[in-house]
Amino acid sequence: MLYVDQICKSFPAGAGAQPGPRRPVLSGVTLRLEPGEYVAVMGESGSGKSTLLNLIAGLDTPDAGRIEIDGQDISALDDAARTRLRRSKLGFVFQAFHLLPYLSVERNIALPLALNGVAESDAQRRTEELLQAVGLVERRRAAPRELSGGEMQRVAVARALAHRPKLVLADEPTGNLDAEAAAEVLALLRAQLKRDRAAGVLVTHSVLAASTADRVLRLTRTGLQEATAFA
């Protein structure tokens, strides 16, 4: 489903416009995920975790190496094709939720379905299914400002999975939640990934979050290394 092959990425070391020394962030990173496999990536601040997600999402390009999503080499795609791939095959869950404030809970969840041209009747069925799954049927008409942090993140998880993406990328999705809400969101995310057989990459500093994944990987200067599994 996802194949990251020996990618490298560096950034300019200084602020000037002239070419100069570059600071390596990722070096020789390799990762392979099968459908339904869920991994957590941990690492210290500045280790390149968010850079890795941006590269996988096609929001940036590696200096070297190759990234394939569902058999497509994303570096070979133009901007429009990468946008179509993100819209159809990727789902995103962010720490800051990124819900549209003028849309209700159910309309936020249904947004990816509308963007992908899903028929209205099918979109309604899928939205209802997800409202049930995240326990927000009674809050379907609520605006994001009326929700708790945990409720907003549950909406964000439902929205990320609405169009049944092949790959879900989650960037510190519980960073703004208390322990109880975080545990609920993490259990929901894992359950829905397994149900849809979507591959998932979770970037986190949290041991609690990492412990919900199938595998825990640590990002270092030399690449991704298997970490000791968390109980």
C-alpha atoms as a PDB file:
ATOM      1  CA  MET A   1       0.000   0.000   0.000  1.00  0.00           C
ATOM      2  CA  LEU A   2       2.808   2.398   0.951  1.00  0.00           C
ATOM      3  CA  TYR A   3       6.427   1.979  -0.072  1.00  0.00           C
ATOM      4  CA  VAL A   4       8.991   4.567   0.991  1.00  0.00           C
ATOM      5  CA  ASP A   5      12.337   3.660  -0.544  1.00  0.00           C
ATOM      6  CA  GLN A   6      15.561   5.258   0.705  1.00  0.00           C
ATOM      7  CA  ILE A   7      14.282   8.831   0.753  1.00  0.00           C
ATOM      8  CA  CYS A   8      16.515  11.727   1.699  1.00  0.00           C
ATOM      9  CA  LYS A   9      15.617  15.334   2.371  1.00  0.00           C
ATOM     10  CA  SER A  10      17.647  18.387   3.337  1.00  0.00           C
ATOM     11  CA  PHE A  11      16.919  22.081   3.762  1.00  0.00           C
ATOM     12  CA  PRO A  12      19.064  25.219   3.435  1.00  0.00           C
ATOM     13  CA  ALA A  13      21.108  25.734   6.564  1.00  0.00           C
ATOM     14  CA  GLY A  14      20.932  29.532   6.362  1.00  0.00           C
ATOM     15  CA  ALA A  15      18.292  32.137   5.640  1.00  0.00           C
ATOM     16  CA  GLY A  16      19.946  33.682   2.581  1.00  0.00           C
ATOM     17  CA  ALA A  17      18.707  33.255  -0.966  1.00  0.00           C
ATOM     18  CA  GLN A  18      22.118  32.225  -2.312  1.00  0.00           C
ATOM     19  CA  PRO A  19      22.910  28.501  -2.596  1.00  0.00           C
ATOM     20  CA  GLY A  20      24.885  27.284   0.360  1.00  0.00           C
ATOM     21  CA  PRO A  21      25.209  24.500   2.909  1.00  0.00           C
ATOM     22  CA  ARG A  22      22.155  22.333   3.450  1.00  0.00           C
ATOM     23  CA  ARG A  23      20.984  20.669   6.651  1.00  0.00           C
ATOM     24  CA  PRO A  24      20.075  16.974   6.217  1.00  0.00           C
ATOM     25  CA  VAL A  25      16.792  16.034   7.895  1.00  0.00           C
ATOM     26  CA  LEU A  26      16.001  12.597   6.495  1.00  0.00           C
ATOM     27  CA  SER A  27      18.577  10.132   5.238  1.00  0.00           C
ATOM     28  CA  GLY A  28      17.862   6.723   3.723  1.00  0.00           C
ATOM     29  CA  VAL A  29      14.367   6.347   5.215  1.00  0.00           C
ATOM     30  CA  THR A  30      12.581   3.169   4.119  1.00  0.00           C
ATOM     31  CA  LEU A  31       9.104   2.025   5.103  1.00  0.00           C
ATOM     32  CA  ARG A  32       6.655  -0.519   3.723  1.00  0.00           C
ATOM     33  CA  LEU A  33       3.019  -0.789   4.816  1.00  0.00           C
ATOM     34  CA  GLU A  34       0.403  -3.321   3.814  1.00  0.00           C
ATOM     35  CA  PRO A  35      -3.371  -2.676   3.759  1.00  0.00           C
ATOM     36  CA  GLY A  36      -4.705  -2.552   7.317  1.00  0.00           C
ATOM     37  CA  GLU A  37      -1.263  -2.087   8.873  1.00  0.00           C
ATOM     38  CA  TYR A  38      -0.937   0.742  11.370  1.00  0.00           C
ATOM     39  CA  VAL A  39       2.442   2.102  12.490  1.00  0.00           C
ATOM     40  CA  ALA A  40       3.510   4.813  14.900  1.00  0.00           C
ATOM     41  CA  VAL A  41       6.564   6.949  14.173  1.00  0.00           C
ATOM     42  CA  MET A  42       8.260   8.512  17.175  1.00  0.00           C
ATOM     43  CA  GLY A  43      11.310  10.715  17.431  1.00  0.00           C
ATOM     44  CA  GLU A  44      12.687  13.802  19.072  1.00  0.00           C
ATOM     45  CA  SER A  45      11.625  17.279  17.986  1.00  0.00           C
ATOM     46  CA  GLY A  46      13.424  18.169  14.778  1.00  0.00           C
ATOM     47  CA  SER A  47      14.001  14.539  13.794  1.00  0.00           C
ATOM     48  CA  GLY A  48      11.932  14.954  10.614  1.00  0.00           C
ATOM     49  CA  LYS A  49       8.610  13.330  11.531  1.00  0.00           C
ATOM     50  CA  SER A  50       6.445  16.052  10.001  1.00  0.00           C
ATOM     51  CA  THR A  51       8.769  16.273   7.003  1.00  0.00           C
ATOM     52  CA  LEU A  52       8.257  12.545   6.465  1.00  0.00           C
ATOM     53  CA  LEU A  53       4.464  12.977   6.501  1.00  0.00           C
ATOM     54  CA  ASN A  54       4.665  15.882   4.064  1.00  0.00           C
ATOM     55  CA  LEU A  55       6.744  13.793   1.677  1.00  0.00           C
ATOM     56  CA  ILE A  56       4.381  10.815   1.886  1.00  0.00           C
ATOM     57  CA  ALA A  57       1.445  13.156   1.210  1.00  0.00           C
ATOM     58  CA  GLY A  58       3.148  14.609  -1.839  1.00  0.00           C
ATOM     59  CA  LEU A  59       3.204  18.088  -0.307  1.00  0.00           C
ATOM     60  CA  ASP A  60       6.980  18.155  -0.746  1.00  0.00           C
ATOM     61  CA  THR A  61       9.431  16.150  -2.831  1.00  0.00           C
ATOM     62  CA  PRO A  62      12.437  14.155  -1.595  1.00  0.00           C
ATOM     63  CA  ASP A  63      15.963  14.961  -2.736  1.00  0.00           C
ATOM     64  CA  ALA A  64      16.465  11.262  -3.458  1.00  0.00           C
ATOM     65  CA  GLY A  65      14.505   8.039  -3.206  1.00  0.00           C
ATOM     66  CA  ARG A  66      10.994   7.020  -4.200  1.00  0.00           C
ATOM     67  CA  ILE A  67       7.545   6.989  -2.594  1.00  0.00           C
ATOM     68  CA  GLU A  68       4.768   4.765  -3.937  1.00  0.00           C
ATOM     69  CA  ILE A  69       1.137   4.873  -2.817  1.00  0.00           C
ATOM     70  CA  ASP A  70      -1.039   2.041  -4.077  1.00  0.00           C
ATOM     71  CA  GLY A  71       1.554   1.330  -6.759  1.00  0.00           C
ATOM     72  CA  GLN A  72       1.875   4.948  -7.953  1.00  0.00           C
ATOM     73  CA  ASP A  73       5.231   6.729  -7.809  1.00  0.00           C
ATOM     74  CA  ILE A  74       4.069  10.115  -6.519  1.00  0.00           C
ATOM     75  CA  SER A  75       7.260  11.899  -7.566  1.00  0.00           C
ATOM     76  CA  ALA A  76       6.342  11.089 -11.173  1.00  0.00           C
ATOM     77  CA  LEU A  77       2.994  12.908 -10.857  1.00  0.00           C
ATOM     78  CA  ASP A  78       2.387  16.582 -11.588  1.00  0.00           C
ATOM     79  CA  ASP A  79       0.731  18.862  -9.032  1.00  0.00           C
ATOM     80  CA  ALA A  80      -2.800  18.234 -10.313  1.00  0.00           C
ATOM     81  CA  ALA A  81      -2.328  14.456 -10.260  1.00  0.00           C
ATOM     82  CA  ARG A  82      -0.914  14.563  -6.724  1.00  0.00           C
ATOM     83  CA  THR A  83      -3.912  16.614  -5.616  1.00  0.00           C
ATOM     84  CA  ARG A  84      -6.270  14.022  -7.123  1.00  0.00           C
ATOM     85  CA  LEU A  85      -4.361  11.223  -5.399  1.00  0.00           C
ATOM     86  CA  ARG A  86      -4.563  12.970  -2.011  1.00  0.00           C
ATOM     87  CA  ARG A  87      -8.269  13.604  -2.487  1.00  0.00           C
ATOM     88  CA  SER A  88      -9.116  10.019  -3.428  1.00  0.00           C
ATOM     89  CA  LYS A  89      -6.607   7.822  -1.587  1.00  0.00           C
ATOM     90  CA  LEU A  90      -5.383   9.720   1.467  1.00  0.00           C
ATOM     91  CA  GLY A  91      -7.017  10.791   4.716  1.00  0.00           C
ATOM     92  CA  PHE A  92      -5.545  13.259   7.194  1.00  0.00           C
ATOM     93  CA  VAL A  93      -6.009  13.721  10.941  1.00  0.00           C
ATOM     94  CA  PHE A  94      -4.353  16.789  12.475  1.00  0.00           C
ATOM     95  CA  GLN A  95      -3.663  17.948  16.017  1.00  0.00           C
ATOM     96  CA  ALA A  96      -5.576  21.191  15.351  1.00  0.00           C
ATOM     97  CA  PHE A  97      -8.682  19.384  13.964  1.00  0.00           C
ATOM     98  CA  HIS A  98      -9.069  21.725  10.927  1.00  0.00           C
ATOM     99  CA  LEU A  99     -12.853  21.436  10.850  1.00  0.00           C
ATOM    100  CA  LEU A 100     -14.690  24.006   8.730  1.00  0.00           C
ATOM    101  CA  PRO A 101     -16.401  26.276  11.280  1.00  0.00           C
ATOM    102  CA  TYR A 102     -19.415  27.097   9.080  1.00  0.00           C
ATOM    103  CA  LEU A 103     -20.304  23.431   8.456  1.00  0.00           C
ATOM    104  CA  SER A 104     -22.182  21.149  10.840  1.00  0.00           C
ATOM    105  CA  VAL A 105     -20.730  17.894  12.150  1.00  0.00           C
ATOM    106  CA  GLU A 106     -22.385  15.807   9.446  1.00  0.00           C
ATOM    107  CA  ARG A 107     -21.420  18.217   6.664  1.00  0.00           C
ATOM    108  CA  ASN A 108     -17.792  18.265   7.806  1.00  0.00           C
ATOM    109  CA  ILE A 109     -17.773  14.454   7.680  1.00  0.00           C
ATOM    110  CA  ALA A 110     -19.437  14.400   4.249  1.00  0.00           C
ATOM    111  CA  LEU A 111     -17.054  16.947   2.693  1.00  0.00           C
ATOM    112  CA  PRO A 112     -14.539  14.431   1.230  1.00  0.00           C
ATOM    113  CA  LEU A 113     -17.436  12.512  -0.321  1.00  0.00           C
ATOM    114  CA  ALA A 114     -18.680  15.645  -2.058  1.00  0.00           C
ATOM    115  CA  LEU A 115     -15.170  16.491  -3.279  1.00  0.00           C
ATOM    116  CA  ASN A 116     -14.863  12.995  -4.765  1.00  0.00           C
ATOM    117  CA  GLY A 117     -18.221  13.199  -6.525  1.00  0.00           C
ATOM    118  CA  VAL A 118     -19.929  10.463  -4.500  1.00  0.00           C
ATOM    119  CA  ALA A 119     -23.652  10.195  -5.224  1.00  0.00           C
ATOM    120  CA  GLU A 120     -25.790  11.955  -2.615  1.00  0.00           C
ATOM    121  CA  SER A 121     -27.597   8.811  -1.485  1.00  0.00           C
ATOM    122  CA  ASP A 122     -24.315   6.933  -1.030  1.00  0.00           C
ATOM    123  CA  ALA A 123     -22.787   9.921   0.773  1.00  0.00           C
ATOM    124  CA  GLN A 124     -25.737  10.060   3.167  1.00  0.00           C
ATOM    125  CA  ARG A 125     -25.399   6.357   3.981  1.00  0.00           C
ATOM    126  CA  ARG A 126     -21.655   6.637   4.584  1.00  0.00           C
ATOM    127  CA  THR A 127     -22.052   9.766   6.720  1.00  0.00           C
ATOM    128  CA  GLU A 128     -24.725   8.076   8.832  1.00  0.00           C
ATOM    129  CA  GLU A 129     -22.500   5.036   9.281  1.00  0.00           C
ATOM    130  CA  LEU A 130     -19.644   7.215  10.512  1.00  0.00           C
ATOM    131  CA  LEU A 131     -21.846   9.291  12.807  1.00  0.00           C
ATOM    132  CA  GLN A 132     -22.845   6.013  14.456  1.00  0.00           C
ATOM    133  CA  ALA A 133     -19.230   4.824  14.624  1.00  0.00           C
ATOM    134  CA  VAL A 134     -17.952   7.975  16.330  1.00  0.00           C
ATOM    135  CA  GLY A 135     -20.951   8.303  18.631  1.00  0.00           C
ATOM    136  CA  LEU A 136     -22.110  11.700  17.393  1.00  0.00           C
ATOM    137  CA  VAL A 137     -25.545  11.010  15.935  1.00  0.00           C
ATOM    138  CA  GLU A 138     -27.151  13.373  18.451  1.00  0.00           C
ATOM    139  CA  ARG A 139     -24.621  16.078  17.593  1.00  0.00           C
ATOM    140  CA  ARG A 140     -24.974  15.879  13.817  1.00  0.00           C
ATOM    141  CA  ARG A 141     -26.367  19.432  13.475  1.00  0.00           C
ATOM    142  CA  ALA A 142     -23.876  20.997  15.887  1.00  0.00           C
ATOM    143  CA  ALA A 143     -21.246  23.478  14.724  1.00  0.00           C
ATOM    144  CA  PRO A 144     -17.600  22.799  15.644  1.00  0.00           C
ATOM    145  CA  ARG A 145     -17.630  25.661  18.189  1.00  0.00           C
ATOM    146  CA  GLU A 146     -20.275  23.742  20.155  1.00  0.00           C
ATOM    147  CA  LEU A 147     -18.136  20.616  20.519  1.00  0.00           C
ATOM    148  CA  SER A 148     -15.539  19.541  23.061  1.00  0.00           C
ATOM    149  CA  GLY A 149     -11.982  18.867  21.919  1.00  0.00           C
ATOM    150  CA  GLY A 150     -12.580  15.114  21.962  1.00  0.00           C
ATOM    151  CA  GLU A 151     -15.766  15.482  19.923  1.00  0.00           C
ATOM    152  CA  MET A 152     -14.002  17.665  17.352  1.00  0.00           C
ATOM    153  CA  GLN A 153     -11.251  15.094  16.954  1.00  0.00           C
ATOM    154  CA  ARG A 154     -13.813  12.311  16.524  1.00  0.00           C
ATOM    155  CA  VAL A 155     -15.371  14.348  13.722  1.00  0.00           C
ATOM    156  CA  ALA A 156     -11.906  14.799  12.213  1.00  0.00           C
ATOM    157  CA  VAL A 157     -11.294  11.033  12.295  1.00  0.00           C
ATOM    158  CA  ALA A 158     -14.652  10.362  10.669  1.00  0.00           C
ATOM    159  CA  ARG A 159     -13.947  12.954   7.971  1.00  0.00           C
ATOM    160  CA  ALA A 160     -10.514  11.458   7.264  1.00  0.00           C
ATOM    161  CA  LEU A 161     -12.080   8.017   6.744  1.00  0.00           C
ATOM    162  CA  ALA A 162     -15.284   9.082   4.977  1.00  0.00           C
ATOM    163  CA  HIS A 163     -14.092   8.317   1.439  1.00  0.00           C
ATOM    164  CA  ARG A 164     -12.452   5.036   2.507  1.00  0.00           C
ATOM    165  CA  PRO A 165      -8.875   6.150   1.793  1.00  0.00           C
ATOM    166  CA  LYS A 166      -6.145   3.622   1.215  1.00  0.00           C
ATOM    167  CA  LEU A 167      -3.779   5.479   3.554  1.00  0.00           C
ATOM    168  CA  VAL A 168      -4.419   7.661   6.628  1.00  0.00           C
ATOM    169  CA  LEU A 169      -1.781  10.061   7.959  1.00  0.00           C
ATOM    170  CA  ALA A 170      -2.199  11.301  11.527  1.00  0.00           C
ATOM    171  CA  ASP A 171       0.008  14.087  12.893  1.00  0.00           C
ATOM    172  CA  GLU A 172      -0.128  14.260  16.728  1.00  0.00           C
ATOM    173  CA  PRO A 173      -3.916  13.749  16.675  1.00  0.00           C
ATOM    174  CA  THR A 174      -4.250  13.693  20.473  1.00  0.00           C
ATOM    175  CA  GLY A 175      -1.899  16.556  21.307  1.00  0.00           C
ATOM    176  CA  ASN A 176      -4.763  18.891  22.271  1.00  0.00           C
ATOM    177  CA  LEU A 177      -6.818  16.320  24.204  1.00  0.00           C
ATOM    178  CA  ASP A 178      -6.955  15.197  27.812  1.00  0.00           C
ATOM    179  CA  ALA A 179      -6.037  11.587  28.604  1.00  0.00           C
ATOM    180  CA  GLU A 180      -9.594  10.237  28.549  1.00  0.00           C
ATOM    181  CA  ALA A 181     -10.527  11.904  25.257  1.00  0.00           C
ATOM    182  CA  ALA A 182      -7.184  10.867  23.741  1.00  0.00           C
ATOM    183  CA  ALA A 183      -7.771   7.219  24.615  1.00  0.00           C
ATOM    184  CA  GLU A 184     -11.245   7.311  23.059  1.00  0.00           C
ATOM    185  CA  VAL A 185      -9.978   8.904  19.833  1.00  0.00           C
ATOM    186  CA  LEU A 186      -7.047   6.500  19.536  1.00  0.00           C
ATOM    187  CA  ALA A 187      -9.298   3.462  20.001  1.00  0.00           C
ATOM    188  CA  LEU A 188     -11.711   4.850  17.414  1.00  0.00           C
ATOM    189  CA  LEU A 189      -8.959   5.547  14.885  1.00  0.00           C
ATOM    190  CA  ARG A 190      -7.488   2.066  15.213  1.00  0.00           C
ATOM    191  CA  ALA A 191     -10.876   0.359  15.002  1.00  0.00           C
ATOM    192  CA  GLN A 192     -11.877   2.261  11.874  1.00  0.00           C
ATOM    193  CA  LEU A 193      -8.517   1.669  10.157  1.00  0.00           C
ATOM    194  CA  LYS A 194      -8.857  -2.049  10.760  1.00  0.00           C
ATOM    195  CA  ARG A 195     -12.485  -2.096   9.647  1.00  0.00           C
ATOM    196  CA  ASP A 196     -11.685  -0.341   6.349  1.00  0.00           C
ATOM    197  CA  ARG A 197      -8.314  -2.110   5.923  1.00  0.00           C
ATOM    198  CA  ALA A 198      -6.622   1.248   5.499  1.00  0.00           C
ATOM    199  CA  ALA A 199      -2.914   1.612   6.182  1.00  0.00           C
ATOM    200  CA  GLY A 200      -2.100   4.217   8.811  1.00  0.00           C
ATOM    201  CA  VAL A 201       0.939   6.268   9.800  1.00  0.00           C
ATOM    202  CA  LEU A 202       0.729   7.994  13.183  1.00  0.00           C
ATOM    203  CA  VAL A 203       3.368  10.588  14.063  1.00  0.00           C
ATOM    204  CA  THR A 204       3.461  11.214  17.800  1.00  0.00           C
ATOM    205  CA  HIS A 205       5.483  12.031  20.893  1.00  0.00           C
ATOM    206  CA  SER A 206       2.969  10.166  23.044  1.00  0.00           C
ATOM    207  CA  VAL A 207       3.731   6.693  24.354  1.00  0.00           C
ATOM    208  CA  LEU A 208      -0.018   6.204  24.878  1.00  0.00           C
ATOM    209  CA  ALA A 209      -0.730   6.979  21.222  1.00  0.00           C
ATOM    210  CA  ALA A 210       2.152   4.842  19.965  1.00  0.00           C
ATOM    211  CA  SER A 211       0.996   1.870  22.033  1.00  0.00           C
ATOM    212  CA  THR A 212      -2.179   1.597  19.918  1.00  0.00           C
ATOM    213  CA  ALA A 213      -0.245   0.898  16.703  1.00  0.00           C
ATOM    214  CA  ASP A 214       0.786  -2.494  15.320  1.00  0.00           C
ATOM    215  CA  ARG A 215       4.427  -1.429  15.184  1.00  0.00           C
ATOM    216  CA  VAL A 216       6.411   1.412  16.706  1.00  0.00           C
ATOM    217  CA  LEU A 217       9.241   2.939  14.690  1.00  0.00           C
ATOM    218  CA  ARG A 218      11.777   5.491  15.873  1.00  0.00           C
ATOM    219  CA  LEU A 219      13.047   8.095  13.415  1.00  0.00           C
ATOM    220  CA  THR A 220      16.742   8.869  13.793  1.00  0.00           C
ATOM    221  CA  ARG A 221      19.482  10.379  11.668  1.00  0.00           C
ATOM    222  CA  THR A 222      20.100   6.952  10.161  1.00  0.00           C
ATOM    223  CA  GLY A 223      16.481   6.228   9.223  1.00  0.00           C
ATOM    224  CA  LEU A 224      13.547   4.368  10.752  1.00  0.00           C
ATOM    225  CA  GLN A 225      14.358   1.752  13.353  1.00  0.00           C
ATOM    226  CA  GLU A 226      12.032  -0.758  14.992  1.00  0.00           C
ATOM    227  CA  ALA A 227      11.391   0.286  18.585  1.00  0.00           C
ATOM    228  CA  THR A 228      10.549  -1.928  21.516  1.00  0.00           C
ATOM    229  CA  ALA A 229       6.789  -2.598  21.434  1.00  0.00           C
ATOM    230  CA  PHE A 230       4.798  -0.759  24.061  1.00  0.00           C
ATOM    231  CA  ALA A 231       2.541  -2.761  26.316  1.00  0.00           C
END
